[in-house]
C-alpha atoms as a PDB file:
ATOM      1  CA  MET A   1     181.260 152.920 197.456  1.00  0.00           C
ATOM      2  CA  HIS A   2     184.095 150.833 198.881  1.00  0.00           C
ATOM      3  CA  ILE A   3     182.018 149.967 201.976  1.00  0.00           C
ATOM      4  CA  LYS A   4     179.085 148.925 199.781  1.00  0.00           C
ATOM      5  CA  LEU A   5     181.333 146.619 197.757  1.00  0.00           C
ATOM      6  CA  LEU A   6     182.677 145.058 200.939  1.00  0.00           C
ATOM      7  CA  ARG A   7     179.142 144.506 202.198  1.00  0.00           C
ATOM      8  CA  LYS A   8     178.133 142.881 198.914  1.00  0.00           C
ATOM      9  CA  GLU A   9     181.204 140.631 199.037  1.00  0.00           C
ATOM     10  CA  SER A  10     180.486 139.717 202.657  1.00  0.00           C
ATOM     11  CA  ASP A  11     176.845 138.936 201.817  1.00  0.00           C
ATOM     12  CA  ALA A  12     177.954 136.770 198.892  1.00  0.00           C
ATOM     13  CA  LEU A  13     180.350 134.839 201.138  1.00  0.00           C
ATOM     14  CA  LEU A  14     177.656 134.308 203.758  1.00  0.00           C
ATOM     15  CA  ILE A  15     175.219 133.030 201.124  1.00  0.00           C
ATOM     16  CA  SER A  16     177.895 130.733 199.732  1.00  0.00           C
ATOM     17  CA  PHE A  17     178.770 129.494 203.216  1.00  0.00           C
ATOM     18  CA  SER A  18     175.111 128.826 204.020  1.00  0.00           C
ATOM     19  CA  THR A  19     174.671 126.889 200.780  1.00  0.00           C
ATOM     20  CA  VAL A  20     177.719 124.726 201.493  1.00  0.00           C
ATOM     21  CA  SER A  21     176.489 124.108 205.045  1.00  0.00           C
ATOM     22  CA  LEU A  22     173.153 122.889 203.678  1.00  0.00           C
ATOM     23  CA  LEU A  23     174.941 120.602 201.229  1.00  0.00           C
ATOM     24  CA  TRP A  24     177.013 118.854 203.880  1.00  0.00           C
ATOM     25  CA  ILE A  25     173.912 118.366 206.049  1.00  0.00           C
ATOM     26  CA  VAL A  26     172.071 116.732 203.145  1.00  0.00           C
ATOM     27  CA  SER A  27     175.159 114.680 202.244  1.00  0.00           C
ATOM     28  CA  LEU A  28     175.577 113.380 205.801  1.00  0.00           C
ATOM     29  CA  PHE A  29     171.879 112.559 206.000  1.00  0.00           C
ATOM     30  CA  MET A  30     171.938 110.613 202.735  1.00  0.00           C
ATOM     31  CA  SER A  31     175.111 108.788 203.745  1.00  0.00           C
ATOM     32  CA  GLY A  32     173.643 107.784 207.113  1.00  0.00           C
ATOM     33  CA  PHE A  33     170.324 106.780 205.552  1.00  0.00           C
ATOM     34  CA  LEU A  34     171.951 104.489 202.985  1.00  0.00           C
ATOM     35  CA  VAL A  35     174.251 102.877 205.552  1.00  0.00           C
ATOM     36  CA  SER A  36     171.308 102.269 207.882  1.00  0.00           C
ATOM     37  CA  TYR A  37     169.063 100.880 205.148  1.00  0.00           C
ATOM     38  CA  ILE A  38     171.719  98.534 203.734  1.00  0.00           C
ATOM     39  CA  LEU A  39     172.866  97.231 207.130  1.00  0.00           C
ATOM     40  CA  ILE A  40     169.336  96.560 208.355  1.00  0.00           C
ATOM     41  CA  LYS A  41     168.582  94.704 205.128  1.00  0.00           C
ATOM     42  CA  THR A  42     171.767  92.692 205.701  1.00  0.00           C
ATOM     43  CA  PHE A  43     170.753  91.820 209.263  1.00  0.00           C
ATOM     44  CA  GLU A  44     167.294  90.787 208.072  1.00  0.00           C
ATOM     45  CA  LYS A  45     168.885  88.249 205.723  1.00  0.00           C
ATOM     46  CA  GLY A  46     170.367  86.521 208.760  1.00  0.00           C
ATOM     47  CA  LYS A  47     173.906  87.774 208.244  1.00  0.00           C
ATOM     48  CA  THR A  48     175.931  88.983 211.218  1.00  0.00           C
ATOM     49  CA  PHE A  49     178.133  92.027 211.166  1.00  0.00           C
ATOM     50  CA  LYS A  50     181.088  89.854 212.118  1.00  0.00           C
ATOM     51  CA  GLY A  51     180.694  88.054 208.818  1.00  0.00           C
ATOM     52  CA  ILE A  52     180.760  91.236 206.719  1.00  0.00           C
ATOM     53  CA  ALA A  53     183.002  93.459 208.854  1.00  0.00           C
ATOM     54  CA  VAL A  54     186.145  93.100 206.731  1.00  0.00           C
ATOM     55  CA  ALA A  55     184.350  93.871 203.474  1.00  0.00           C
ATOM     56  CA  TYR A  56     182.375  96.672 205.140  1.00  0.00           C
ATOM     57  CA  TYR A  57     185.447  98.592 206.323  1.00  0.00           C
ATOM     58  CA  VAL A  58     188.034  97.669 203.683  1.00  0.00           C
ATOM     59  CA  HIS A  59     185.765  98.470 200.730  1.00  0.00           C
ATOM     60  CA  ARG A  60     184.868 101.858 202.178  1.00  0.00           C
ATOM     61  CA  TYR A  61     188.480 102.735 203.006  1.00  0.00           C
ATOM     62  CA  ILE A  62     189.797 101.848 199.555  1.00  0.00           C
ATOM     63  CA  ARG A  63     186.921 103.551 197.749  1.00  0.00           C
ATOM     64  CA  LEU A  64     187.514 106.857 199.551  1.00  0.00           C
ATOM     65  CA  THR A  65     191.255 106.777 200.024  1.00  0.00           C
ATOM     66  CA  VAL A  66     192.427 106.180 196.435  1.00  0.00           C
ATOM     67  CA  PRO A  67     191.043 109.480 195.034  1.00  0.00           C
ATOM     68  CA  TYR A  68     191.711 111.219 198.361  1.00  0.00           C
ATOM     69  CA  LEU A  69     195.377 110.211 198.256  1.00  0.00           C
ATOM     70  CA  THR A  70     195.623 111.625 194.751  1.00  0.00           C
ATOM     71  CA  VAL A  71     194.452 115.033 196.003  1.00  0.00           C
ATOM     72  CA  ILE A  72     196.887 114.885 198.957  1.00  0.00           C
ATOM     73  CA  LEU A  73     199.784 114.082 196.620  1.00  0.00           C
ATOM     74  CA  ILE A  74     198.909 116.940 194.287  1.00  0.00           C
ATOM     75  CA  GLN A  75     198.368 119.574 196.988  1.00  0.00           C
ATOM     76  CA  GLY A  76     201.118 118.408 199.321  1.00  0.00           C
ATOM     77  CA  PHE A  77     203.899 117.331 197.026  1.00  0.00           C
ATOM     78  CA  LEU A  78     203.371 118.034 193.331  1.00  0.00           C
ATOM     79  CA  TYR A  79     201.809 121.479 193.100  1.00  0.00           C
ATOM     80  CA  ARG A  80     205.128 123.299 193.425  1.00  0.00           C
ATOM     81  CA  GLN A  81     206.262 121.648 190.233  1.00  0.00           C
ATOM     82  CA  PHE A  82     203.615 123.290 188.070  1.00  0.00           C
ATOM     83  CA  VAL A  83     201.876 126.092 190.033  1.00  0.00           C
ATOM     84  CA  THR A  84     203.345 129.558 189.501  1.00  0.00           C
ATOM     85  CA  GLY A  85     202.108 133.127 189.710  1.00  0.00           C
ATOM     86  CA  PRO A  86     201.271 135.765 192.309  1.00  0.00           C
ATOM     87  CA  PHE A  87     198.836 133.520 194.197  1.00  0.00           C
ATOM     88  CA  ALA A  88     201.026 130.431 194.331  1.00  0.00           C
ATOM     89  CA  ASP A  89     201.992 131.189 197.925  1.00  0.00           C
ATOM     90  CA  ASN A  90     198.350 130.811 198.968  1.00  0.00           C
ATOM     91  CA  LEU A  91     198.847 127.064 198.651  1.00  0.00           C
ATOM     92  CA  LYS A  92     201.914 127.066 200.876  1.00  0.00           C
ATOM     93  CA  LEU A  93     199.903 126.276 204.019  1.00  0.00           C
ATOM     94  CA  GLY A  94     198.399 123.264 202.311  1.00  0.00           C
ATOM     95  CA  TYR A  95     201.838 122.156 201.186  1.00  0.00           C
ATOM     96  CA  ASP A  96     203.297 122.509 204.688  1.00  0.00           C
ATOM     97  CA  GLY A  97     200.277 120.790 206.231  1.00  0.00           C
ATOM     98  CA  CYS A  98     200.418 117.781 203.911  1.00  0.00           C
ATOM     99  CA  LYS A  99     204.162 117.465 204.330  1.00  0.00           C
ATOM    100  CA  LYS A 100     203.712 117.145 208.099  1.00  0.00           C
ATOM    101  CA  TRP A 101     200.226 115.725 208.645  1.00  0.00           C
ATOM    102  CA  TRP A 102     199.466 113.569 205.573  1.00  0.00           C
ATOM    103  CA  TRP A 103     199.239 110.454 207.771  1.00  0.00           C
ATOM    104  CA  ALA A 104     196.399 111.996 209.825  1.00  0.00           C
ATOM    105  CA  ASN A 105     194.391 112.407 206.631  1.00  0.00           C
ATOM    106  CA  LEU A 106     194.929 108.785 205.624  1.00  0.00           C
ATOM    107  CA  LEU A 107     193.746 107.698 209.087  1.00  0.00           C
ATOM    108  CA  TYR A 108     190.761 110.058 208.796  1.00  0.00           C
ATOM    109  CA  ILE A 109     191.553 111.866 212.030  1.00  0.00           C
ATOM    110  CA  ASN A 110     192.598 115.178 210.490  1.00  0.00           C
ATOM    111  CA  ASN A 111     189.657 116.907 212.177  1.00  0.00           C
ATOM    112  CA  PHE A 112     191.545 116.255 215.435  1.00  0.00           C
ATOM    113  CA  VAL A 113     195.195 116.219 214.277  1.00  0.00           C
ATOM    114  CA  PRO A 114     196.517 118.856 214.277  1.00  0.00           C
ATOM    115  CA  TRP A 115     194.111 120.274 216.859  1.00  0.00           C
ATOM    116  CA  SER A 116     194.508 123.877 215.729  1.00  0.00           C
ATOM    117  CA  GLY A 117     196.437 126.069 213.346  1.00  0.00           C
ATOM    118  CA  PRO A 118     196.116 126.863 209.649  1.00  0.00           C
ATOM    119  CA  ALA A 119     198.710 124.306 208.460  1.00  0.00           C
ATOM    120  CA  LYS A 120     196.242 121.564 207.583  1.00  0.00           C
ATOM    121  CA  CYS A 121     196.428 119.106 204.727  1.00  0.00           C
ATOM    122  CA  VAL A 122     193.453 119.554 202.385  1.00  0.00           C
ATOM    123  CA  GLY A 123     191.629 121.571 205.036  1.00  0.00           C
ATOM    124  CA  GLN A 124     188.171 121.010 203.579  1.00  0.00           C
ATOM    125  CA  SER A 125     188.555 117.243 204.057  1.00  0.00           C
ATOM    126  CA  TRP A 126     187.405 117.521 207.689  1.00  0.00           C
ATOM    127  CA  TYR A 127     184.060 116.444 206.208  1.00  0.00           C
ATOM    128  CA  LEU A 128     185.509 113.145 204.961  1.00  0.00           C
ATOM    129  CA  SER A 129     186.920 112.423 208.418  1.00  0.00           C
ATOM    130  CA  ASN A 130     183.532 113.024 210.018  1.00  0.00           C
ATOM    131  CA  ASP A 131     181.801 110.814 207.484  1.00  0.00           C
ATOM    132  CA  MET A 132     184.319 107.992 207.979  1.00  0.00           C
ATOM    133  CA  GLN A 133     184.099 108.231 211.767  1.00  0.00           C
ATOM    134  CA  PHE A 134     180.306 107.982 211.610  1.00  0.00           C
ATOM    135  CA  PHE A 135     180.618 105.052 209.230  1.00  0.00           C
ATOM    136  CA  VAL A 136     182.909 103.219 211.671  1.00  0.00           C
ATOM    137  CA  VAL A 137     180.476 103.432 214.603  1.00  0.00           C
ATOM    138  CA  ALA A 138     177.330 102.968 212.481  1.00  0.00           C
ATOM    139  CA  PRO A 139     177.035  99.141 212.855  1.00  0.00           C
ATOM    140  CA  PHE A 140     176.649  99.332 216.638  1.00  0.00           C
ATOM    141  CA  PHE A 141     173.837 101.890 216.552  1.00  0.00           C
ATOM    142  CA  ILE A 142     172.081 100.293 213.585  1.00  0.00           C
ATOM    143  CA  TRP A 143     172.292  96.799 215.091  1.00  0.00           C
ATOM    144  CA  LEU A 144     170.752  98.200 218.278  1.00  0.00           C
ATOM    145  CA  LEU A 145     168.041  99.902 216.218  1.00  0.00           C
ATOM    146  CA  TRP A 146     167.312  96.655 214.368  1.00  0.00           C
ATOM    147  CA  LYS A 147     167.375  94.479 217.489  1.00  0.00           C
ATOM    148  CA  SER A 148     165.221  96.771 219.610  1.00  0.00           C
ATOM    149  CA  PRO A 149     163.712  99.763 217.761  1.00  0.00           C
ATOM    150  CA  VAL A 150     162.539 101.385 220.996  1.00  0.00           C
ATOM    151  CA  VAL A 151     165.937 101.183 222.716  1.00  0.00           C
ATOM    152  CA  GLY A 152     167.755 102.063 219.499  1.00  0.00           C
ATOM    153  CA  ASN A 153     165.685 105.189 218.932  1.00  0.00           C
ATOM    154  CA  LEU A 154     166.052 106.236 222.550  1.00  0.00           C
ATOM    155  CA  VAL A 155     169.838 105.990 222.235  1.00  0.00           C
ATOM    156  CA  LEU A 156     169.892 107.794 218.886  1.00  0.00           C
ATOM    157  CA  TRP A 157     167.585 110.659 219.829  1.00  0.00           C
ATOM    158  CA  GLY A 158     169.157 110.920 223.273  1.00  0.00           C
ATOM    159  CA  SER A 159     172.527 111.380 221.574  1.00  0.00           C
ATOM    160  CA  VAL A 160     171.069 114.021 219.268  1.00  0.00           C
ATOM    161  CA  VAL A 161     169.628 116.010 222.182  1.00  0.00           C
ATOM    162  CA  LEU A 162     172.874 115.693 224.136  1.00  0.00           C
ATOM    163  CA  SER A 163     174.859 116.980 221.157  1.00  0.00           C
ATOM    164  CA  MET A 164     172.569 119.995 220.790  1.00  0.00           C
ATOM    165  CA  VAL A 165     172.747 120.792 224.505  1.00  0.00           C
ATOM    166  CA  CYS A 166     176.548 120.536 224.507  1.00  0.00           C
ATOM    167  CA  ALA A 167     176.722 122.754 221.426  1.00  0.00           C
ATOM    168  CA  GLY A 168     174.641 125.382 223.201  1.00  0.00           C
ATOM    169  CA  ILE A 169     176.796 125.224 226.327  1.00  0.00           C
ATOM    170  CA  LEU A 170     180.042 125.542 224.334  1.00  0.00           C
ATOM    171  CA  THR A 171     178.620 128.430 222.296  1.00  0.00           C
ATOM    172  CA  TRP A 172     177.694 130.249 225.503  1.00  0.00           C
ATOM    173  CA  TYR A 173     180.935 129.452 227.350  1.00  0.00           C
ATOM    174  CA  PHE A 174     183.354 130.352 224.530  1.00  0.00           C
ATOM    175  CA  GLU A 175     181.126 133.098 223.115  1.00  0.00           C
ATOM    176  CA  PHE A 176     181.232 131.697 219.610  1.00  0.00           C
ATOM    177  CA  ALA A 177     180.416 133.904 216.653  1.00  0.00           C
ATOM    178  CA  THR A 178     177.286 133.166 214.634  1.00  0.00           C
ATOM    179  CA  SER A 179     179.433 131.493 211.982  1.00  0.00           C
ATOM    180  CA  PRO A 180     183.122 130.573 211.503  1.00  0.00           C
ATOM    181  CA  LEU A 181     183.150 132.947 208.525  1.00  0.00           C
ATOM    182  CA  ARG A 182     182.698 135.907 210.867  1.00  0.00           C
ATOM    183  CA  ALA A 183     185.234 134.608 213.374  1.00  0.00           C
ATOM    184  CA  GLY A 184     187.974 133.575 210.947  1.00  0.00           C
ATOM    185  CA  VAL A 185     188.509 130.233 209.266  1.00  0.00           C
ATOM    186  CA  TYR A 186     190.787 128.849 211.961  1.00  0.00           C
ATOM    187  CA  GLY A 187     189.309 130.574 214.996  1.00  0.00           C
ATOM    188  CA  LYS A 188     188.047 128.866 218.133  1.00  0.00           C
ATOM    189  CA  GLU A 189     184.723 128.068 216.424  1.00  0.00           C
ATOM    190  CA  PHE A 190     186.571 126.010 213.838  1.00  0.00           C
ATOM    191  CA  VAL A 191     188.796 124.299 216.425  1.00  0.00           C
ATOM    192  CA  TYR A 192     186.254 123.413 219.110  1.00  0.00           C
ATOM    193  CA  TYR A 193     183.049 123.057 217.127  1.00  0.00           C
ATOM    194  CA  TYR A 194     182.947 123.232 213.345  1.00  0.00           C
ATOM    195  CA  THR A 195     184.963 120.118 212.435  1.00  0.00           C
ATOM    196  CA  LYS A 196     184.233 117.875 215.408  1.00  0.00           C
ATOM    197  CA  PRO A 197     182.128 114.730 214.943  1.00  0.00           C
ATOM    198  CA  TYR A 198     180.304 114.994 218.259  1.00  0.00           C
ATOM    199  CA  PHE A 199     178.612 118.143 216.932  1.00  0.00           C
ATOM    200  CA  ARG A 200     178.263 116.948 213.354  1.00  0.00           C
ATOM    201  CA  PHE A 201     176.574 113.580 213.847  1.00  0.00           C
ATOM    202  CA  VAL A 202     173.022 114.935 214.259  1.00  0.00           C
ATOM    203  CA  PRO A 203     171.911 114.556 210.575  1.00  0.00           C
ATOM    204  CA  TYR A 204     173.724 111.207 210.362  1.00  0.00           C
ATOM    205  CA  PHE A 205     172.029 109.814 213.478  1.00  0.00           C
ATOM    206  CA  VAL A 206     168.628 111.124 212.409  1.00  0.00           C
ATOM    207  CA  ALA A 207     169.213 109.284 209.125  1.00  0.00           C
ATOM    208  CA  TYR A 208     169.870 106.046 211.046  1.00  0.00           C
ATOM    209  CA  SER A 209     166.382 106.290 212.499  1.00  0.00           C
ATOM    210  CA  GLU A 210     164.851 107.161 209.122  1.00  0.00           C
ATOM    211  CA  GLY A 211     166.578 104.177 207.531  1.00  0.00           C
ATOM    212  CA  GLY A 212     165.102 101.943 210.219  1.00  0.00           C
ATOM    213  CA  CYS A 213     161.633 103.394 209.672  1.00  0.00           C
ATOM    214  CA  THR A 214     161.920 102.895 205.906  1.00  0.00           C
ATOM    215  CA  THR A 215     162.851  99.225 206.205  1.00  0.00           C
ATOM    216  CA  SER A 216     160.090  98.661 208.778  1.00  0.00           C
ATOM    217  CA  THR A 217     157.516 100.334 206.512  1.00  0.00           C
ATOM    218  CA  ALA A 218     158.678  98.287 203.521  1.00  0.00           C
ATOM    219  CA  ARG A 219     158.435  95.105 205.602  1.00  0.00           C
ATOM    220  CA  GLU A 220     154.868  95.966 206.693  1.00  0.00           C
ATOM    221  CA  TRP A 221     153.803  96.656 203.092  1.00  0.00           C
ATOM    222  CA  ASN A 222     155.308  93.347 201.976  1.00  0.00           C
ATOM    223  CA  ASN A 223     153.360  91.529 204.686  1.00  0.00           C
ATOM    224  CA  LEU A 224     150.140  93.216 203.595  1.00  0.00           C
ATOM    225  CA  LEU A 225     150.719  92.351 199.948  1.00  0.00           C
ATOM    226  CA  ILE A 226     151.561  88.762 200.775  1.00  0.00           C
END
């Protein structure tokens, strides 16, 4: 009976993990698609990225960081003032991580700093760091896609293939488990693969291309209607 319950719990965790994985893929795709679509529309209006760079980065940073900082303050510095009970110690790692590494979160590099170990500040925020890092490099790839669709798509899809090949090589070399859930939350899969942008950019880069295709299709329809 006990083994059956454990199996049911394990199955439930795997289903939950798979659902969350699907959600972040969709979220990254939508984020990349919107960034691509908006930037290409901006370039088509004759504006240069140099002219919008400050607003592009500052607006994004403030919009994400204000609520993010609130969570960091609560988990890292305030929770001990009002959290009590038998499970209060479960938050100790988050408290220790935020006390030491809060600055890495505000720079959106907490998927690299600290490199390993459970003492991370708001551990699930590795996703925000990936999204911000993709957002930072997006203008270069999208400008290339807008300027020369053929070259831009070659670079984008070449990067996607390279990422997949490297992921396969790392999985073989380090003998990764089929999921971080089976290997442990902070195992080698989590450190070398799960949170790193060079393995997470595939849906974002695919979305760049889709955003370019959407704007091109809209432009062709407008020409036909005119």
